[in-house]
Amino acid sequence: QLDRATQVLESASARHPESAELCFLAGNIQFRQNKWGCALESYADALRRRPGWCQPHINQGNAFREMGRFDSAEQSYRASLEVECQSAAARTNLGQLMRLQGRLDEARTHYEQALRSDSTVWEAWINMGNLEMELDRIDEAAAAYQRAAELRPRSAVTHSYLGRALIASEQMGEGIACLERAPALDPQ
Protein backbone atom coordinates (compact mmCIF):
# COMPACT_ATOMS: atom_id res chain seq x y z
CA GLN A 1 0.00 0.00 0.00
CA LEU A 2 2.89 2.36 0.64
CA ASP A 3 4.10 1.86 -2.92
CA ARG A 4 0.65 2.83 -4.25
CA ALA A 5 0.57 5.84 -1.92
CA THR A 6 3.99 6.86 -3.23
CA GLN A 7 2.72 6.69 -6.83
CA VAL A 8 -0.33 8.80 -6.04
CA LEU A 9 1.80 11.30 -4.18
CA GLU A 10 4.32 11.58 -7.02
CA SER A 11 1.48 12.25 -9.45
CA ALA A 12 0.02 14.94 -7.18
CA SER A 13 3.47 16.49 -6.65
CA ALA A 14 3.95 16.80 -10.40
CA ARG A 15 0.74 18.84 -10.55
CA HIS A 16 1.52 20.87 -7.39
CA PRO A 17 5.32 21.15 -7.12
CA GLU A 18 5.19 23.92 -4.49
CA SER A 19 2.97 22.04 -2.04
CA ALA A 20 4.51 21.84 1.43
CA GLU A 21 1.82 19.36 2.44
CA LEU A 22 2.78 16.94 -0.34
CA CYS A 23 6.45 17.13 0.70
CA PHE A 24 5.38 16.41 4.27
CA LEU A 25 3.26 13.44 3.21
CA ALA A 26 6.14 12.10 1.12
CA GLY A 27 8.32 12.31 4.22
CA ASN A 28 5.75 10.37 6.23
CA ILE A 29 5.65 7.59 3.65
CA GLN A 30 9.45 7.46 3.50
CA PHE A 31 9.56 7.37 7.30
CA ARG A 32 7.22 4.35 7.34
CA GLN A 33 9.52 2.70 4.79
CA ASN A 34 12.52 3.32 7.10
CA LYS A 35 14.07 5.63 4.49
CA TRP A 36 15.23 8.13 7.11
CA GLY A 37 17.49 10.22 4.86
CA CYS A 38 14.80 10.61 2.21
CA ALA A 39 12.24 11.49 4.87
CA LEU A 40 14.56 14.16 6.27
CA GLU A 41 14.92 15.70 2.80
CA SER A 42 11.15 15.72 2.29
CA TYR A 43 10.53 17.36 5.67
CA ALA A 44 13.22 19.96 4.89
CA ASP A 45 11.48 20.63 1.56
CA ALA A 46 8.17 21.08 3.40
CA LEU A 47 9.80 23.58 5.74
CA ARG A 48 11.36 25.51 2.84
CA ARG A 49 7.90 25.86 1.35
CA ARG A 50 6.18 26.62 4.67
CA PRO A 51 8.74 27.78 7.27
CA GLY A 52 6.39 28.34 10.20
CA TRP A 53 5.05 24.79 10.32
CA CYS A 54 5.68 22.83 13.52
CA GLN A 55 4.96 19.24 12.46
CA PRO A 56 7.79 18.76 9.92
CA HIS A 57 10.28 19.71 12.65
CA ILE A 58 8.76 17.08 14.94
CA ASN A 59 8.90 14.44 12.23
CA GLN A 60 12.50 15.38 11.43
CA GLY A 61 13.26 14.81 15.09
CA ASN A 62 11.60 11.40 14.93
CA ALA A 63 13.69 10.43 11.89
CA PHE A 64 16.89 11.61 13.57
CA ARG A 65 15.93 9.66 16.70
CA GLU A 66 15.43 6.50 14.64
CA MET A 67 18.88 7.07 13.12
CA GLY A 68 20.39 7.38 16.61
CA ARG A 69 21.28 11.04 15.99
CA PHE A 70 19.96 12.29 19.31
CA ASP A 71 21.59 15.74 19.18
CA SER A 72 19.96 16.44 15.81
CA ALA A 73 16.65 15.06 17.06
CA GLU A 74 16.76 17.39 20.05
CA GLN A 75 17.51 20.36 17.78
CA SER A 76 14.53 19.48 15.59
CA TYR A 77 12.14 19.13 18.52
CA ARG A 78 13.37 22.41 20.00
CA ALA A 79 12.95 24.09 16.59
CA SER A 80 9.32 22.93 16.57
CA LEU A 81 8.85 24.53 20.00
CA GLU A 82 10.22 27.81 18.65
CA VAL A 83 7.44 27.71 16.05
CA GLU A 84 4.70 26.47 18.39
CA CYS A 85 5.82 26.70 22.01
CA GLN A 86 2.76 24.91 23.40
CA SER A 87 3.04 21.89 21.10
CA ALA A 88 2.13 18.87 23.21
CA ALA A 89 3.44 16.57 20.47
CA ALA A 90 6.84 18.26 20.44
CA ARG A 91 7.04 18.18 24.24
CA THR A 92 6.08 14.49 24.32
CA ASN A 93 8.68 13.59 21.70
CA LEU A 94 11.33 15.66 23.46
CA GLY A 95 10.43 13.87 26.69
CA GLN A 96 10.86 10.49 24.99
CA LEU A 97 14.26 11.54 23.71
CA MET A 98 15.35 12.74 27.16
CA ARG A 99 14.21 9.43 28.68
CA LEU A 100 16.17 7.45 26.08
CA GLN A 101 19.26 9.39 27.12
CA GLY A 102 18.67 8.86 30.84
CA ARG A 103 17.76 12.51 31.37
CA LEU A 104 14.74 11.55 33.46
CA ASP A 105 14.08 14.87 35.22
CA GLU A 106 14.03 16.65 31.87
CA ALA A 107 11.75 13.94 30.46
CA ARG A 108 9.29 14.46 33.33
CA THR A 109 9.34 18.22 32.78
CA HIS A 110 8.49 17.83 29.09
CA TYR A 111 5.70 15.31 29.75
CA GLU A 112 4.22 17.60 32.38
CA GLN A 113 4.40 20.56 30.01
CA ALA A 114 2.76 18.51 27.27
CA LEU A 115 -0.07 17.53 29.58
CA ARG A 116 -0.54 21.10 30.81
CA SER A 117 -0.81 22.16 27.18
CA ASP A 118 -3.22 19.35 26.25
CA SER A 119 -4.33 16.79 28.82
CA THR A 120 -5.84 14.58 26.11
CA VAL A 121 -2.52 13.53 24.57
CA TRP A 122 -2.53 9.76 24.99
CA GLU A 123 1.16 9.44 24.14
CA ALA A 124 2.14 11.83 26.94
CA TRP A 125 0.19 9.80 29.50
CA ILE A 126 1.69 6.50 28.28
CA ASN A 127 5.19 7.94 28.34
CA MET A 128 4.65 9.47 31.77
CA GLY A 129 3.51 6.05 32.98
CA ASN A 130 6.60 4.42 31.49
CA LEU A 131 8.82 6.98 33.22
CA GLU A 132 7.07 6.40 36.55
CA MET A 133 7.51 2.63 36.17
CA GLU A 134 11.19 3.14 35.42
CA LEU A 135 11.49 5.17 38.63
CA ASP A 136 9.57 2.49 40.56
CA ARG A 137 6.72 4.88 41.26
CA ILE A 138 4.08 2.26 40.61
CA ASP A 139 0.99 4.08 41.87
CA GLU A 140 1.82 7.15 39.76
CA ALA A 141 2.43 4.90 36.75
CA ALA A 142 -0.92 3.17 37.24
CA ALA A 143 -2.66 6.56 37.46
CA ALA A 144 -1.01 7.72 34.22
CA TYR A 145 -1.93 4.49 32.43
CA GLN A 146 -5.48 4.72 33.80
CA ARG A 147 -5.83 8.19 32.28
CA ALA A 148 -4.44 6.86 28.99
CA ALA A 149 -7.01 4.04 29.10
CA GLU A 150 -9.78 6.59 29.56
CA LEU A 151 -8.55 8.41 26.46
CA ARG A 152 -8.16 5.25 24.35
CA PRO A 153 -10.29 2.53 25.88
CA ARG A 154 -9.70 0.18 22.93
CA SER A 155 -5.89 0.36 23.10
CA ALA A 156 -4.34 -3.03 23.83
CA VAL A 157 -1.01 -1.38 24.66
CA THR A 158 -2.62 0.81 27.29
CA HIS A 159 -4.40 -2.08 28.99
CA SER A 160 -1.24 -4.15 28.93
CA TYR A 161 0.77 -1.39 30.63
CA LEU A 162 -2.03 -0.70 33.10
CA GLY A 163 -2.31 -4.40 33.93
CA ARG A 164 1.39 -4.70 34.69
CA ALA A 165 1.31 -1.58 36.87
CA LEU A 166 -1.73 -2.85 38.80
CA ILE A 167 -0.09 -6.22 39.38
CA ALA A 168 3.10 -4.48 40.54
CA SER A 169 0.99 -2.50 43.02
CA GLU A 170 -0.53 -5.79 44.26
CA GLN A 171 -3.93 -5.19 42.68
CA MET A 172 -3.84 -8.66 41.15
CA GLY A 173 -7.48 -9.07 40.14
CA GLU A 174 -7.70 -5.76 38.29
CA GLY A 175 -4.25 -6.22 36.76
CA ILE A 176 -4.99 -9.69 35.44
CA ALA A 177 -8.32 -8.47 34.04
CA CYS A 178 -6.50 -5.72 32.12
CA LEU A 179 -3.95 -8.18 30.74
CA GLU A 180 -6.69 -10.61 29.72
CA ARG A 181 -8.66 -7.83 28.05
CA ALA A 182 -5.69 -6.48 26.07
CA PRO A 183 -5.44 -9.14 23.30
CA ALA A 184 -9.09 -8.67 22.34
CA LEU A 185 -8.68 -4.93 21.86
CA ASP A 186 -7.51 -2.93 18.90
CA PRO A 187 -3.68 -3.13 18.85
CA GLN A 188 -3.56 0.63 18.25
C-alpha atoms as a PDB file:
ATOM      1  CA  GLN A   1       0.000   0.000   0.000  1.00  0.00           C
ATOM      2  CA  LEU A   2       2.892   2.360   0.645  1.00  0.00           C
ATOM      3  CA  ASP A   3       4.098   1.864  -2.923  1.00  0.00           C
ATOM      4  CA  ARG A   4       0.652   2.826  -4.247  1.00  0.00           C
ATOM      5  CA  ALA A   5       0.569   5.843  -1.919  1.00  0.00           C
ATOM      6  CA  THR A   6       3.991   6.862  -3.233  1.00  0.00           C
ATOM      7  CA  GLN A   7       2.725   6.693  -6.829  1.00  0.00           C
ATOM      8  CA  VAL A   8      -0.335   8.799  -6.039  1.00  0.00           C
ATOM      9  CA  LEU A   9       1.803  11.305  -4.175  1.00  0.00           C
ATOM     10  CA  GLU A  10       4.315  11.576  -7.022  1.00  0.00           C
ATOM     11  CA  SER A  11       1.485  12.250  -9.445  1.00  0.00           C
ATOM     12  CA  ALA A  12       0.020  14.941  -7.181  1.00  0.00           C
ATOM     13  CA  SER A  13       3.467  16.486  -6.645  1.00  0.00           C
ATOM     14  CA  ALA A  14       3.954  16.802 -10.396  1.00  0.00           C
ATOM     15  CA  ARG A  15       0.739  18.838 -10.550  1.00  0.00           C
ATOM     16  CA  HIS A  16       1.515  20.869  -7.392  1.00  0.00           C
ATOM     17  CA  PRO A  17       5.320  21.147  -7.118  1.00  0.00           C
ATOM     18  CA  GLU A  18       5.192  23.922  -4.488  1.00  0.00           C
ATOM     19  CA  SER A  19       2.968  22.036  -2.043  1.00  0.00           C
ATOM     20  CA  ALA A  20       4.506  21.841   1.429  1.00  0.00           C
ATOM     21  CA  GLU A  21       1.816  19.359   2.435  1.00  0.00           C
ATOM     22  CA  LEU A  22       2.781  16.940  -0.336  1.00  0.00           C
ATOM     23  CA  CYS A  23       6.451  17.133   0.703  1.00  0.00           C
ATOM     24  CA  PHE A  24       5.383  16.414   4.272  1.00  0.00           C
ATOM     25  CA  LEU A  25       3.260  13.439   3.213  1.00  0.00           C
ATOM     26  CA  ALA A  26       6.140  12.096   1.123  1.00  0.00           C
ATOM     27  CA  GLY A  27       8.323  12.313   4.224  1.00  0.00           C
ATOM     28  CA  ASN A  28       5.746  10.375   6.233  1.00  0.00           C
ATOM     29  CA  ILE A  29       5.651   7.593   3.646  1.00  0.00           C
ATOM     30  CA  GLN A  30       9.448   7.463   3.497  1.00  0.00           C
ATOM     31  CA  PHE A  31       9.561   7.375   7.302  1.00  0.00           C
ATOM     32  CA  ARG A  32       7.223   4.352   7.343  1.00  0.00           C
ATOM     33  CA  GLN A  33       9.517   2.704   4.789  1.00  0.00           C
ATOM     34  CA  ASN A  34      12.517   3.324   7.100  1.00  0.00           C
ATOM     35  CA  LYS A  35      14.065   5.632   4.488  1.00  0.00           C
ATOM     36  CA  TRP A  36      15.229   8.126   7.112  1.00  0.00           C
ATOM     37  CA  GLY A  37      17.490  10.223   4.863  1.00  0.00           C
ATOM     38  CA  CYS A  38      14.802  10.609   2.207  1.00  0.00           C
ATOM     39  CA  ALA A  39      12.242  11.491   4.872  1.00  0.00           C
ATOM     40  CA  LEU A  40      14.560  14.157   6.271  1.00  0.00           C
ATOM     41  CA  GLU A  41      14.916  15.705   2.803  1.00  0.00           C
ATOM     42  CA  SER A  42      11.154  15.723   2.292  1.00  0.00           C
ATOM     43  CA  TYR A  43      10.534  17.363   5.674  1.00  0.00           C
ATOM     44  CA  ALA A  44      13.218  19.958   4.888  1.00  0.00           C
ATOM     45  CA  ASP A  45      11.478  20.628   1.558  1.00  0.00           C
ATOM     46  CA  ALA A  46       8.170  21.080   3.399  1.00  0.00           C
ATOM     47  CA  LEU A  47       9.804  23.583   5.737  1.00  0.00           C
ATOM     48  CA  ARG A  48      11.357  25.513   2.842  1.00  0.00           C
ATOM     49  CA  ARG A  49       7.900  25.863   1.346  1.00  0.00           C
ATOM     50  CA  ARG A  50       6.178  26.616   4.672  1.00  0.00           C
ATOM     51  CA  PRO A  51       8.741  27.778   7.266  1.00  0.00           C
ATOM     52  CA  GLY A  52       6.389  28.343  10.203  1.00  0.00           C
ATOM     53  CA  TRP A  53       5.049  24.792  10.325  1.00  0.00           C
ATOM     54  CA  CYS A  54       5.683  22.830  13.522  1.00  0.00           C
ATOM     55  CA  GLN A  55       4.965  19.240  12.460  1.00  0.00           C
ATOM     56  CA  PRO A  56       7.795  18.762   9.918  1.00  0.00           C
ATOM     57  CA  HIS A  57      10.282  19.708  12.646  1.00  0.00           C
ATOM     58  CA  ILE A  58       8.761  17.079  14.942  1.00  0.00           C
ATOM     59  CA  ASN A  59       8.904  14.440  12.233  1.00  0.00           C
ATOM     60  CA  GLN A  60      12.501  15.377  11.435  1.00  0.00           C
ATOM     61  CA  GLY A  61      13.257  14.810  15.094  1.00  0.00           C
ATOM     62  CA  ASN A  62      11.596  11.398  14.928  1.00  0.00           C
ATOM     63  CA  ALA A  63      13.687  10.435  11.895  1.00  0.00           C
ATOM     64  CA  PHE A  64      16.894  11.613  13.569  1.00  0.00           C
ATOM     65  CA  ARG A  65      15.929   9.657  16.697  1.00  0.00           C
ATOM     66  CA  GLU A  66      15.429   6.501  14.636  1.00  0.00           C
ATOM     67  CA  MET A  67      18.875   7.069  13.120  1.00  0.00           C
ATOM     68  CA  GLY A  68      20.386   7.385  16.607  1.00  0.00           C
ATOM     69  CA  ARG A  69      21.281  11.039  15.991  1.00  0.00           C
ATOM     70  CA  PHE A  70      19.956  12.290  19.307  1.00  0.00           C
ATOM     71  CA  ASP A  71      21.585  15.740  19.179  1.00  0.00           C
ATOM     72  CA  SER A  72      19.962  16.443  15.813  1.00  0.00           C
ATOM     73  CA  ALA A  73      16.654  15.058  17.058  1.00  0.00           C
ATOM     74  CA  GLU A  74      16.755  17.388  20.050  1.00  0.00           C
ATOM     75  CA  GLN A  75      17.514  20.357  17.784  1.00  0.00           C
ATOM     76  CA  SER A  76      14.528  19.484  15.586  1.00  0.00           C
ATOM     77  CA  TYR A  77      12.140  19.135  18.524  1.00  0.00           C
ATOM     78  CA  ARG A  78      13.367  22.411  19.999  1.00  0.00           C
ATOM     79  CA  ALA A  79      12.952  24.086  16.591  1.00  0.00           C
ATOM     80  CA  SER A  80       9.325  22.932  16.572  1.00  0.00           C
ATOM     81  CA  LEU A  81       8.847  24.529  19.996  1.00  0.00           C
ATOM     82  CA  GLU A  82      10.217  27.810  18.645  1.00  0.00           C
ATOM     83  CA  VAL A  83       7.441  27.711  16.052  1.00  0.00           C
ATOM     84  CA  GLU A  84       4.700  26.471  18.385  1.00  0.00           C
ATOM     85  CA  CYS A  85       5.816  26.701  22.012  1.00  0.00           C
ATOM     86  CA  GLN A  86       2.762  24.912  23.400  1.00  0.00           C
ATOM     87  CA  SER A  87       3.036  21.889  21.101  1.00  0.00           C
ATOM     88  CA  ALA A  88       2.132  18.865  23.212  1.00  0.00           C
ATOM     89  CA  ALA A  89       3.436  16.566  20.468  1.00  0.00           C
ATOM     90  CA  ALA A  90       6.838  18.260  20.438  1.00  0.00           C
ATOM     91  CA  ARG A  91       7.041  18.178  24.243  1.00  0.00           C
ATOM     92  CA  THR A  92       6.077  14.495  24.319  1.00  0.00           C
ATOM     93  CA  ASN A  93       8.677  13.588  21.701  1.00  0.00           C
ATOM     94  CA  LEU A  94      11.326  15.657  23.459  1.00  0.00           C
ATOM     95  CA  GLY A  95      10.433  13.865  26.692  1.00  0.00           C
ATOM     96  CA  GLN A  96      10.857  10.493  24.993  1.00  0.00           C
ATOM     97  CA  LEU A  97      14.256  11.536  23.713  1.00  0.00           C
ATOM     98  CA  MET A  98      15.348  12.743  27.158  1.00  0.00           C
ATOM     99  CA  ARG A  99      14.214   9.431  28.676  1.00  0.00           C
ATOM    100  CA  LEU A 100      16.172   7.448  26.084  1.00  0.00           C
ATOM    101  CA  GLN A 101      19.261   9.390  27.118  1.00  0.00           C
ATOM    102  CA  GLY A 102      18.669   8.861  30.837  1.00  0.00           C
ATOM    103  CA  ARG A 103      17.758  12.514  31.375  1.00  0.00           C
ATOM    104  CA  LEU A 104      14.741  11.553  33.459  1.00  0.00           C
ATOM    105  CA  ASP A 105      14.080  14.872  35.219  1.00  0.00           C
ATOM    106  CA  GLU A 106      14.030  16.646  31.866  1.00  0.00           C
ATOM    107  CA  ALA A 107      11.752  13.937  30.460  1.00  0.00           C
ATOM    108  CA  ARG A 108       9.290  14.461  33.326  1.00  0.00           C
ATOM    109  CA  THR A 109       9.342  18.223  32.779  1.00  0.00           C
ATOM    110  CA  HIS A 110       8.490  17.829  29.089  1.00  0.00           C
ATOM    111  CA  TYR A 111       5.704  15.308  29.749  1.00  0.00           C
ATOM    112  CA  GLU A 112       4.224  17.597  32.384  1.00  0.00           C
ATOM    113  CA  GLN A 113       4.400  20.564  30.013  1.00  0.00           C
ATOM    114  CA  ALA A 114       2.762  18.506  27.267  1.00  0.00           C
ATOM    115  CA  LEU A 115      -0.074  17.525  29.583  1.00  0.00           C
ATOM    116  CA  ARG A 116      -0.544  21.102  30.806  1.00  0.00           C
ATOM    117  CA  SER A 117      -0.809  22.160  27.185  1.00  0.00           C
ATOM    118  CA  ASP A 118      -3.223  19.354  26.255  1.00  0.00           C
ATOM    119  CA  SER A 119      -4.327  16.792  28.823  1.00  0.00           C
ATOM    120  CA  THR A 120      -5.838  14.579  26.112  1.00  0.00           C
ATOM    121  CA  VAL A 121      -2.515  13.533  24.566  1.00  0.00           C
ATOM    122  CA  TRP A 122      -2.531   9.762  24.988  1.00  0.00           C
ATOM    123  CA  GLU A 123       1.160   9.440  24.137  1.00  0.00           C
ATOM    124  CA  ALA A 124       2.142  11.833  26.940  1.00  0.00           C
ATOM    125  CA  TRP A 125       0.187   9.798  29.498  1.00  0.00           C
ATOM    126  CA  ILE A 126       1.687   6.504  28.281  1.00  0.00           C
ATOM    127  CA  ASN A 127       5.188   7.944  28.341  1.00  0.00           C
ATOM    128  CA  MET A 128       4.651   9.474  31.771  1.00  0.00           C
ATOM    129  CA  GLY A 129       3.512   6.053  32.981  1.00  0.00           C
ATOM    130  CA  ASN A 130       6.601   4.417  31.493  1.00  0.00           C
ATOM    131  CA  LEU A 131       8.816   6.978  33.220  1.00  0.00           C
ATOM    132  CA  GLU A 132       7.072   6.399  36.548  1.00  0.00           C
ATOM    133  CA  MET A 133       7.511   2.626  36.167  1.00  0.00           C
ATOM    134  CA  GLU A 134      11.187   3.136  35.418  1.00  0.00           C
ATOM    135  CA  LEU A 135      11.488   5.174  38.627  1.00  0.00           C
ATOM    136  CA  ASP A 136       9.571   2.486  40.559  1.00  0.00           C
ATOM    137  CA  ARG A 137       6.719   4.882  41.260  1.00  0.00           C
ATOM    138  CA  ILE A 138       4.084   2.256  40.608  1.00  0.00           C
ATOM    139  CA  ASP A 139       0.985   4.082  41.869  1.00  0.00           C
ATOM    140  CA  GLU A 140       1.822   7.150  39.757  1.00  0.00           C
ATOM    141  CA  ALA A 141       2.428   4.905  36.748  1.00  0.00           C
ATOM    142  CA  ALA A 142      -0.917   3.169  37.235  1.00  0.00           C
ATOM    143  CA  ALA A 143      -2.657   6.559  37.463  1.00  0.00           C
ATOM    144  CA  ALA A 144      -1.010   7.721  34.222  1.00  0.00           C
ATOM    145  CA  TYR A 145      -1.934   4.488  32.434  1.00  0.00           C
ATOM    146  CA  GLN A 146      -5.482   4.721  33.795  1.00  0.00           C
ATOM    147  CA  ARG A 147      -5.833   8.189  32.281  1.00  0.00           C
ATOM    148  CA  ALA A 148      -4.441   6.864  28.990  1.00  0.00           C
ATOM    149  CA  ALA A 149      -7.006   4.043  29.104  1.00  0.00           C
ATOM    150  CA  GLU A 150      -9.776   6.590  29.563  1.00  0.00           C
ATOM    151  CA  LEU A 151      -8.547   8.406  26.461  1.00  0.00           C
ATOM    152  CA  ARG A 152      -8.156   5.252  24.348  1.00  0.00           C
ATOM    153  CA  PRO A 153     -10.294   2.531  25.884  1.00  0.00           C
ATOM    154  CA  ARG A 154      -9.696   0.176  22.929  1.00  0.00           C
ATOM    155  CA  SER A 155      -5.888   0.358  23.104  1.00  0.00           C
ATOM    156  CA  ALA A 156      -4.338  -3.030  23.827  1.00  0.00           C
ATOM    157  CA  VAL A 157      -1.014  -1.376  24.655  1.00  0.00           C
ATOM    158  CA  THR A 158      -2.625   0.813  27.290  1.00  0.00           C
ATOM    159  CA  HIS A 159      -4.403  -2.079  28.987  1.00  0.00           C
ATOM    160  CA  SER A 160      -1.236  -4.153  28.929  1.00  0.00           C
ATOM    161  CA  TYR A 161       0.773  -1.394  30.629  1.00  0.00           C
ATOM    162  CA  LEU A 162      -2.026  -0.699  33.097  1.00  0.00           C
ATOM    163  CA  GLY A 163      -2.312  -4.397  33.929  1.00  0.00           C
ATOM    164  CA  ARG A 164       1.391  -4.696  34.686  1.00  0.00           C
ATOM    165  CA  ALA A 165       1.306  -1.580  36.874  1.00  0.00           C
ATOM    166  CA  LEU A 166      -1.726  -2.846  38.799  1.00  0.00           C
ATOM    167  CA  ILE A 167      -0.091  -6.222  39.383  1.00  0.00           C
ATOM    168  CA  ALA A 168       3.098  -4.479  40.541  1.00  0.00           C
ATOM    169  CA  SER A 169       0.987  -2.500  43.024  1.00  0.00           C
ATOM    170  CA  GLU A 170      -0.527  -5.789  44.260  1.00  0.00           C
ATOM    171  CA  GLN A 171      -3.927  -5.194  42.680  1.00  0.00           C
ATOM    172  CA  MET A 172      -3.840  -8.656  41.153  1.00  0.00           C
ATOM    173  CA  GLY A 173      -7.480  -9.069  40.142  1.00  0.00           C
ATOM    174  CA  GLU A 174      -7.698  -5.759  38.291  1.00  0.00           C
ATOM    175  CA  GLY A 175      -4.252  -6.222  36.763  1.00  0.00           C
ATOM    176  CA  ILE A 176      -4.986  -9.688  35.444  1.00  0.00           C
ATOM    177  CA  ALA A 177      -8.316  -8.466  34.044  1.00  0.00           C
ATOM    178  CA  CYS A 178      -6.505  -5.718  32.117  1.00  0.00           C
ATOM    179  CA  LEU A 179      -3.946  -8.179  30.743  1.00  0.00           C
ATOM    180  CA  GLU A 180      -6.688 -10.615  29.722  1.00  0.00           C
ATOM    181  CA  ARG A 181      -8.663  -7.834  28.047  1.00  0.00           C
ATOM    182  CA  ALA A 182      -5.693  -6.483  26.070  1.00  0.00           C
ATOM    183  CA  PRO A 183      -5.438  -9.136  23.299  1.00  0.00           C
ATOM    184  CA  ALA A 184      -9.090  -8.667  22.339  1.00  0.00           C
ATOM    185  CA  LEU A 185      -8.677  -4.932  21.862  1.00  0.00           C
ATOM    186  CA  ASP A 186      -7.506  -2.934  18.904  1.00  0.00           C
ATOM    187  CA  PRO A 187      -3.683  -3.126  18.852  1.00  0.00           C
ATOM    188  CA  GLN A 188      -3.559   0.628  18.252  1.00  0.00           C
END
